[in-house]
Amino acid sequence: MAIKEGVKVNFKELAPKYFMQGYSCSESVAMAAFEMGLVDKRFVSVATSFSGGMSSRCLCGAVAASQMVLGYFHGEFEDDTARNLAKELYERFTAIHKVTCCRVLTKDFADFHSSERKKHCVQMIEDATSILDDMLNRN
């Protein structure tokens, strides 16, 4: 599956908006994909299970959903494109934050639901989706 010719993706602008409206980190990336007409609304439901680091605070939901988008457009069983892009996204995100683990990324926030943590997570969403935008607009 390919993104329609001439469509410029802009996850970095849209995903934080959804996060601030109450969607989880992973759902916000999925909602951005839906708003841009890239996926159907069921994609958001799939992203729900990746919220809050898969509810274990293990993997940043913004990273997970960004990986899901890459797989959606580049995943094929006999082609390594999706895996190579997944690796690139991981490497670029960890070059900025050193880890992708939600628990580690949010360790300085005792209250997971605090406004301070939410502001911090907006930055994680912006960083993950900026990388995603770059990768999708390039490919």
N, C-alpha and C. Protein backbone atom coordinates (compact mmCIF):
# COMPACT_ATOMS: atom_id res chain seq x y z
N MET A 1 0.85 -1.17 0.00
CA MET A 1 0.00 0.00 0.00
C MET A 1 0.89 1.24 0.00
N ALA A 2 0.48 2.24 -0.70
CA ALA A 2 1.27 3.47 -0.78
C ALA A 2 0.42 4.67 -0.42
N ILE A 3 1.07 5.70 0.02
CA ILE A 3 0.40 6.96 0.29
C ILE A 3 0.13 7.61 -1.06
N LYS A 4 -1.06 8.17 -1.21
CA LYS A 4 -1.45 8.77 -2.48
C LYS A 4 -0.44 9.82 -2.92
N GLU A 5 -0.18 9.83 -4.21
CA GLU A 5 0.73 10.80 -4.83
C GLU A 5 0.32 12.22 -4.44
N GLY A 6 1.28 13.02 -4.04
CA GLY A 6 1.02 14.41 -3.72
C GLY A 6 0.56 14.66 -2.28
N VAL A 7 0.25 13.59 -1.52
CA VAL A 7 -0.17 13.76 -0.13
C VAL A 7 1.07 13.95 0.72
N LYS A 8 1.11 15.04 1.45
CA LYS A 8 2.21 15.29 2.38
C LYS A 8 1.69 15.00 3.79
N VAL A 9 2.33 14.06 4.45
CA VAL A 9 1.88 13.72 5.80
C VAL A 9 2.39 14.75 6.80
N ASN A 10 1.60 14.96 7.84
CA ASN A 10 1.96 15.93 8.87
C ASN A 10 1.50 15.43 10.23
N PHE A 11 2.07 14.31 10.65
CA PHE A 11 1.74 13.74 11.95
C PHE A 11 2.15 14.67 13.10
N LYS A 12 3.28 15.33 12.96
CA LYS A 12 3.81 16.16 14.05
C LYS A 12 2.83 17.27 14.45
N GLU A 13 2.09 17.80 13.50
CA GLU A 13 1.12 18.84 13.81
C GLU A 13 -0.17 18.26 14.39
N LEU A 14 -0.63 17.15 13.84
CA LEU A 14 -1.93 16.61 14.20
C LEU A 14 -1.92 15.74 15.46
N ALA A 15 -0.94 14.88 15.64
CA ALA A 15 -0.95 13.94 16.76
C ALA A 15 -0.96 14.63 18.13
N PRO A 16 -0.13 15.64 18.37
CA PRO A 16 -0.19 16.30 19.69
C PRO A 16 -1.56 16.92 19.98
N LYS A 17 -2.21 17.40 18.95
CA LYS A 17 -3.55 17.98 19.10
C LYS A 17 -4.51 16.93 19.67
N TYR A 18 -4.47 15.73 19.13
CA TYR A 18 -5.35 14.66 19.63
C TYR A 18 -4.96 14.23 21.04
N PHE A 19 -3.68 14.20 21.32
CA PHE A 19 -3.23 13.84 22.67
C PHE A 19 -3.78 14.83 23.69
N MET A 20 -3.74 16.11 23.37
CA MET A 20 -4.24 17.13 24.28
C MET A 20 -5.77 17.10 24.40
N GLN A 21 -6.43 16.45 23.46
CA GLN A 21 -7.89 16.29 23.53
C GLN A 21 -8.29 15.06 24.34
N GLY A 22 -7.31 14.28 24.81
CA GLY A 22 -7.63 13.13 25.65
C GLY A 22 -7.34 11.77 25.05
N TYR A 23 -6.91 11.73 23.81
CA TYR A 23 -6.50 10.45 23.23
C TYR A 23 -5.16 10.05 23.84
N SER A 24 -4.89 8.77 23.88
CA SER A 24 -3.59 8.31 24.38
C SER A 24 -2.52 8.63 23.36
N CYS A 25 -1.27 8.41 23.74
CA CYS A 25 -0.14 8.68 22.84
C CYS A 25 -0.27 7.88 21.54
N SER A 26 -0.55 6.60 21.65
CA SER A 26 -0.66 5.78 20.43
C SER A 26 -1.91 6.13 19.64
N GLU A 27 -3.02 6.35 20.33
CA GLU A 27 -4.26 6.71 19.64
C GLU A 27 -4.13 8.05 18.91
N SER A 28 -3.36 8.97 19.50
CA SER A 28 -3.22 10.28 18.86
C SER A 28 -2.50 10.18 17.52
N VAL A 29 -1.52 9.31 17.43
CA VAL A 29 -0.83 9.09 16.15
C VAL A 29 -1.80 8.44 15.16
N ALA A 30 -2.57 7.47 15.63
CA ALA A 30 -3.55 6.79 14.77
C ALA A 30 -4.64 7.75 14.31
N MET A 31 -5.11 8.62 15.19
CA MET A 31 -6.14 9.60 14.81
C MET A 31 -5.59 10.56 13.76
N ALA A 32 -4.33 10.92 13.87
CA ALA A 32 -3.72 11.78 12.85
C ALA A 32 -3.74 11.07 11.50
N ALA A 33 -3.40 9.79 11.50
CA ALA A 33 -3.43 9.02 10.25
C ALA A 33 -4.84 8.96 9.68
N PHE A 34 -5.83 8.81 10.56
CA PHE A 34 -7.22 8.79 10.12
C PHE A 34 -7.63 10.15 9.55
N GLU A 35 -7.28 11.23 10.25
CA GLU A 35 -7.65 12.57 9.77
C GLU A 35 -7.06 12.86 8.40
N MET A 36 -5.86 12.37 8.15
CA MET A 36 -5.24 12.60 6.85
C MET A 36 -5.78 11.67 5.77
N GLY A 37 -6.68 10.77 6.15
CA GLY A 37 -7.27 9.86 5.17
C GLY A 37 -6.36 8.70 4.80
N LEU A 38 -5.38 8.42 5.64
CA LEU A 38 -4.42 7.36 5.34
C LEU A 38 -4.91 5.98 5.77
N VAL A 39 -5.75 5.94 6.80
CA VAL A 39 -6.24 4.67 7.36
C VAL A 39 -7.73 4.84 7.69
N ASP A 40 -8.41 3.71 7.91
CA ASP A 40 -9.79 3.84 8.36
C ASP A 40 -9.82 3.92 9.89
N LYS A 41 -10.96 4.25 10.43
CA LYS A 41 -11.10 4.53 11.87
C LYS A 41 -10.74 3.32 12.74
N ARG A 42 -10.86 2.11 12.24
CA ARG A 42 -10.52 0.90 13.02
C ARG A 42 -9.05 0.90 13.43
N PHE A 43 -8.22 1.58 12.69
CA PHE A 43 -6.80 1.67 13.02
C PHE A 43 -6.60 2.27 14.41
N VAL A 44 -7.48 3.21 14.78
CA VAL A 44 -7.40 3.83 16.11
C VAL A 44 -7.67 2.78 17.18
N SER A 45 -8.63 1.90 16.93
CA SER A 45 -8.93 0.83 17.89
C SER A 45 -7.73 -0.08 18.09
N VAL A 46 -7.04 -0.38 17.02
CA VAL A 46 -5.84 -1.23 17.11
C VAL A 46 -4.78 -0.52 17.96
N ALA A 47 -4.64 0.79 17.77
CA ALA A 47 -3.63 1.55 18.51
C ALA A 47 -3.92 1.64 20.00
N THR A 48 -5.18 1.49 20.39
CA THR A 48 -5.55 1.61 21.80
C THR A 48 -4.74 0.67 22.70
N SER A 49 -4.50 -0.53 22.26
CA SER A 49 -3.79 -1.49 23.11
C SER A 49 -2.32 -1.13 23.32
N PHE A 50 -1.82 -0.16 22.56
CA PHE A 50 -0.43 0.27 22.71
C PHE A 50 -0.31 1.49 23.62
N SER A 51 -1.43 1.95 24.17
CA SER A 51 -1.45 3.12 25.06
C SER A 51 -0.68 2.86 26.34
N GLY A 52 -0.04 3.91 26.83
CA GLY A 52 0.68 3.79 28.10
C GLY A 52 1.70 2.69 28.10
N GLY A 53 2.42 2.59 27.02
CA GLY A 53 3.44 1.54 26.93
C GLY A 53 2.84 0.16 27.01
N MET A 54 1.78 -0.07 26.26
CA MET A 54 1.04 -1.34 26.24
C MET A 54 0.50 -1.65 27.63
N SER A 55 0.10 -0.60 28.32
CA SER A 55 -0.43 -0.66 29.69
C SER A 55 0.57 -1.21 30.70
N SER A 56 1.80 -1.37 30.29
CA SER A 56 2.86 -1.79 31.21
C SER A 56 3.93 -0.72 31.30
N ARG A 57 3.72 0.36 30.54
CA ARG A 57 4.66 1.46 30.42
C ARG A 57 6.01 0.95 29.90
N CYS A 58 5.94 0.00 28.98
CA CYS A 58 7.16 -0.59 28.44
C CYS A 58 7.65 0.12 27.18
N LEU A 59 6.85 0.23 26.16
CA LEU A 59 7.26 0.88 24.90
C LEU A 59 6.43 2.13 24.72
N CYS A 60 7.07 3.25 24.47
CA CYS A 60 6.37 4.51 24.23
C CYS A 60 5.30 4.31 23.15
N GLY A 61 4.07 4.66 23.46
CA GLY A 61 2.96 4.47 22.53
C GLY A 61 3.11 5.26 21.25
N ALA A 62 3.74 6.43 21.32
CA ALA A 62 3.95 7.23 20.11
C ALA A 62 4.92 6.52 19.18
N VAL A 63 5.92 5.88 19.74
CA VAL A 63 6.87 5.11 18.94
C VAL A 63 6.16 3.88 18.36
N ALA A 64 5.38 3.19 19.20
CA ALA A 64 4.67 1.99 18.75
C ALA A 64 3.72 2.32 17.60
N ALA A 65 2.93 3.37 17.75
CA ALA A 65 1.97 3.73 16.70
C ALA A 65 2.68 4.21 15.43
N SER A 66 3.79 4.91 15.60
CA SER A 66 4.57 5.32 14.43
C SER A 66 5.08 4.09 13.69
N GLN A 67 5.49 3.08 14.44
CA GLN A 67 5.93 1.82 13.82
C GLN A 67 4.76 1.15 13.10
N MET A 68 3.57 1.21 13.71
CA MET A 68 2.38 0.62 13.08
C MET A 68 2.09 1.29 11.74
N VAL A 69 2.22 2.61 11.69
CA VAL A 69 1.99 3.33 10.44
C VAL A 69 3.00 2.91 9.38
N LEU A 70 4.27 2.80 9.78
CA LEU A 70 5.29 2.35 8.83
C LEU A 70 4.95 0.96 8.29
N GLY A 71 4.55 0.06 9.19
CA GLY A 71 4.18 -1.29 8.77
C GLY A 71 2.96 -1.30 7.87
N TYR A 72 2.02 -0.42 8.15
CA TYR A 72 0.80 -0.33 7.34
C TYR A 72 1.13 -0.02 5.89
N PHE A 73 2.08 0.88 5.69
CA PHE A 73 2.40 1.30 4.33
C PHE A 73 3.56 0.53 3.70
N HIS A 74 4.38 -0.09 4.48
CA HIS A 74 5.56 -0.74 3.91
C HIS A 74 5.71 -2.21 4.28
N GLY A 75 4.78 -2.76 5.03
CA GLY A 75 4.91 -4.14 5.47
C GLY A 75 4.57 -5.15 4.39
N GLU A 76 5.46 -6.04 4.17
CA GLU A 76 5.27 -7.17 3.26
C GLU A 76 6.08 -8.31 3.83
N PHE A 77 5.57 -9.52 3.74
CA PHE A 77 6.26 -10.65 4.32
C PHE A 77 7.60 -10.96 3.65
N GLU A 78 7.72 -10.69 2.36
CA GLU A 78 8.95 -11.05 1.65
C GLU A 78 9.82 -9.85 1.35
N ASP A 79 9.60 -8.77 2.03
CA ASP A 79 10.33 -7.54 1.79
C ASP A 79 10.76 -6.99 3.15
N ASP A 80 11.99 -6.55 3.27
CA ASP A 80 12.50 -6.04 4.55
C ASP A 80 12.30 -4.54 4.73
N THR A 81 11.56 -3.90 3.83
CA THR A 81 11.40 -2.45 3.91
C THR A 81 10.85 -2.02 5.26
N ALA A 82 9.76 -2.62 5.72
CA ALA A 82 9.14 -2.22 6.99
C ALA A 82 10.11 -2.42 8.15
N ARG A 83 10.83 -3.52 8.16
CA ARG A 83 11.80 -3.78 9.24
C ARG A 83 12.94 -2.77 9.21
N ASN A 84 13.40 -2.46 8.03
CA ASN A 84 14.48 -1.47 7.91
C ASN A 84 14.03 -0.09 8.35
N LEU A 85 12.81 0.29 7.97
CA LEU A 85 12.27 1.58 8.40
C LEU A 85 12.02 1.58 9.91
N ALA A 86 11.55 0.47 10.45
CA ALA A 86 11.33 0.36 11.89
C ALA A 86 12.65 0.56 12.65
N LYS A 87 13.69 -0.04 12.14
CA LYS A 87 15.00 0.10 12.76
C LYS A 87 15.46 1.56 12.70
N GLU A 88 15.26 2.20 11.55
CA GLU A 88 15.66 3.59 11.40
C GLU A 88 14.89 4.49 12.38
N LEU A 89 13.58 4.29 12.48
CA LEU A 89 12.79 5.10 13.41
C LEU A 89 13.29 4.91 14.84
N TYR A 90 13.51 3.65 15.22
CA TYR A 90 14.04 3.34 16.55
C TYR A 90 15.38 4.05 16.79
N GLU A 91 16.28 3.93 15.84
CA GLU A 91 17.61 4.53 16.00
C GLU A 91 17.55 6.05 16.08
N ARG A 92 16.70 6.65 15.28
CA ARG A 92 16.59 8.11 15.30
C ARG A 92 15.95 8.59 16.61
N PHE A 93 14.94 7.87 17.10
CA PHE A 93 14.30 8.26 18.36
C PHE A 93 15.28 8.08 19.53
N THR A 94 16.00 6.96 19.55
CA THR A 94 16.94 6.73 20.65
C THR A 94 18.16 7.63 20.56
N ALA A 95 18.47 8.15 19.40
CA ALA A 95 19.55 9.14 19.29
C ALA A 95 19.17 10.41 20.05
N ILE A 96 17.88 10.69 20.14
CA ILE A 96 17.40 11.86 20.88
C ILE A 96 17.20 11.54 22.36
N HIS A 97 16.54 10.42 22.65
CA HIS A 97 16.09 10.12 24.02
C HIS A 97 16.79 8.93 24.68
N LYS A 98 17.68 8.27 24.00
CA LYS A 98 18.45 7.13 24.50
C LYS A 98 17.64 5.85 24.66
N VAL A 99 16.34 5.93 24.89
CA VAL A 99 15.49 4.75 25.10
C VAL A 99 14.13 4.96 24.44
N THR A 100 13.36 3.87 24.32
CA THR A 100 11.98 3.95 23.85
C THR A 100 11.00 3.50 24.94
N CYS A 101 11.51 3.14 26.09
CA CYS A 101 10.70 2.63 27.19
C CYS A 101 9.93 3.77 27.86
N CYS A 102 8.61 3.68 27.85
CA CYS A 102 7.75 4.70 28.45
C CYS A 102 8.11 4.91 29.93
N ARG A 103 8.33 3.84 30.64
CA ARG A 103 8.65 3.93 32.07
C ARG A 103 9.91 4.75 32.30
N VAL A 104 10.91 4.56 31.49
CA VAL A 104 12.16 5.31 31.62
C VAL A 104 11.97 6.75 31.14
N LEU A 105 11.26 6.92 30.04
CA LEU A 105 11.03 8.26 29.50
C LEU A 105 10.24 9.14 30.47
N THR A 106 9.40 8.52 31.30
CA THR A 106 8.54 9.29 32.22
C THR A 106 8.94 9.09 33.69
N LYS A 107 10.12 8.60 33.95
CA LYS A 107 10.55 8.27 35.31
C LYS A 107 10.54 9.46 36.27
N ASP A 108 10.67 10.65 35.78
CA ASP A 108 10.70 11.84 36.63
C ASP A 108 9.32 12.33 37.04
N PHE A 109 8.28 11.62 36.63
CA PHE A 109 6.91 12.06 36.92
C PHE A 109 6.20 11.00 37.76
N ALA A 110 6.08 11.27 39.06
CA ALA A 110 5.46 10.32 39.98
C ALA A 110 3.99 10.08 39.62
N ASP A 111 3.30 11.13 39.22
CA ASP A 111 1.90 11.02 38.84
C ASP A 111 1.80 10.90 37.32
N PHE A 112 1.47 9.71 36.85
CA PHE A 112 1.42 9.46 35.42
C PHE A 112 0.39 10.35 34.72
N HIS A 113 -0.60 10.83 35.47
CA HIS A 113 -1.66 11.63 34.87
C HIS A 113 -1.48 13.13 35.11
N SER A 114 -0.31 13.53 35.57
CA SER A 114 -0.07 14.95 35.85
C SER A 114 0.06 15.77 34.57
N SER A 115 -0.22 17.06 34.69
CA SER A 115 -0.09 17.94 33.52
C SER A 115 1.37 18.07 33.09
N GLU A 116 2.29 17.97 34.05
CA GLU A 116 3.72 18.04 33.71
C GLU A 116 4.14 16.85 32.85
N ARG A 117 3.66 15.66 33.23
CA ARG A 117 3.98 14.45 32.45
C ARG A 117 3.33 14.56 31.08
N LYS A 118 2.13 15.08 31.02
CA LYS A 118 1.44 15.22 29.74
C LYS A 118 2.23 16.13 28.80
N LYS A 119 2.75 17.23 29.32
CA LYS A 119 3.58 18.13 28.51
C LYS A 119 4.83 17.42 28.02
N HIS A 120 5.42 16.63 28.90
CA HIS A 120 6.61 15.86 28.55
C HIS A 120 6.28 14.87 27.42
N CYS A 121 5.14 14.21 27.54
CA CYS A 121 4.77 13.22 26.54
C CYS A 121 4.43 13.86 25.19
N VAL A 122 3.94 15.09 25.21
CA VAL A 122 3.72 15.80 23.95
C VAL A 122 5.04 15.89 23.19
N GLN A 123 6.13 16.13 23.90
CA GLN A 123 7.44 16.20 23.26
C GLN A 123 7.83 14.84 22.66
N MET A 124 7.53 13.74 23.37
CA MET A 124 7.82 12.41 22.83
C MET A 124 7.01 12.17 21.55
N ILE A 125 5.75 12.59 21.57
CA ILE A 125 4.88 12.44 20.39
C ILE A 125 5.42 13.28 19.24
N GLU A 126 5.80 14.51 19.53
CA GLU A 126 6.34 15.37 18.48
C GLU A 126 7.62 14.80 17.90
N ASP A 127 8.48 14.27 18.74
CA ASP A 127 9.75 13.71 18.24
C ASP A 127 9.50 12.47 17.39
N ALA A 128 8.67 11.55 17.88
CA ALA A 128 8.40 10.32 17.13
C ALA A 128 7.72 10.65 15.79
N THR A 129 6.76 11.56 15.83
CA THR A 129 6.01 11.86 14.60
C THR A 129 6.79 12.75 13.63
N SER A 130 7.71 13.53 14.14
CA SER A 130 8.58 14.30 13.24
C SER A 130 9.45 13.34 12.43
N ILE A 131 9.95 12.32 13.09
CA ILE A 131 10.74 11.30 12.40
C ILE A 131 9.85 10.57 11.39
N LEU A 132 8.64 10.20 11.83
CA LEU A 132 7.69 9.51 10.95
C LEU A 132 7.37 10.36 9.72
N ASP A 133 7.08 11.64 9.94
CA ASP A 133 6.80 12.54 8.82
C ASP A 133 7.95 12.52 7.82
N ASP A 134 9.16 12.69 8.33
CA ASP A 134 10.33 12.72 7.47
C ASP A 134 10.45 11.43 6.67
N MET A 135 10.26 10.31 7.33
CA MET A 135 10.41 9.02 6.66
C MET A 135 9.34 8.80 5.59
N LEU A 136 8.09 9.12 5.92
CA LEU A 136 7.00 8.90 4.96
C LEU A 136 7.06 9.90 3.81
N ASN A 137 7.42 11.13 4.09
CA ASN A 137 7.51 12.11 3.02
C ASN A 137 8.69 11.82 2.10
N ARG A 138 9.72 11.18 2.64
CA ARG A 138 10.89 10.79 1.85
C ARG A 138 10.59 9.57 0.99
N ASN A 139 9.83 8.64 1.54
CA ASN A 139 9.53 7.38 0.82
C ASN A 139 8.22 7.51 0.09
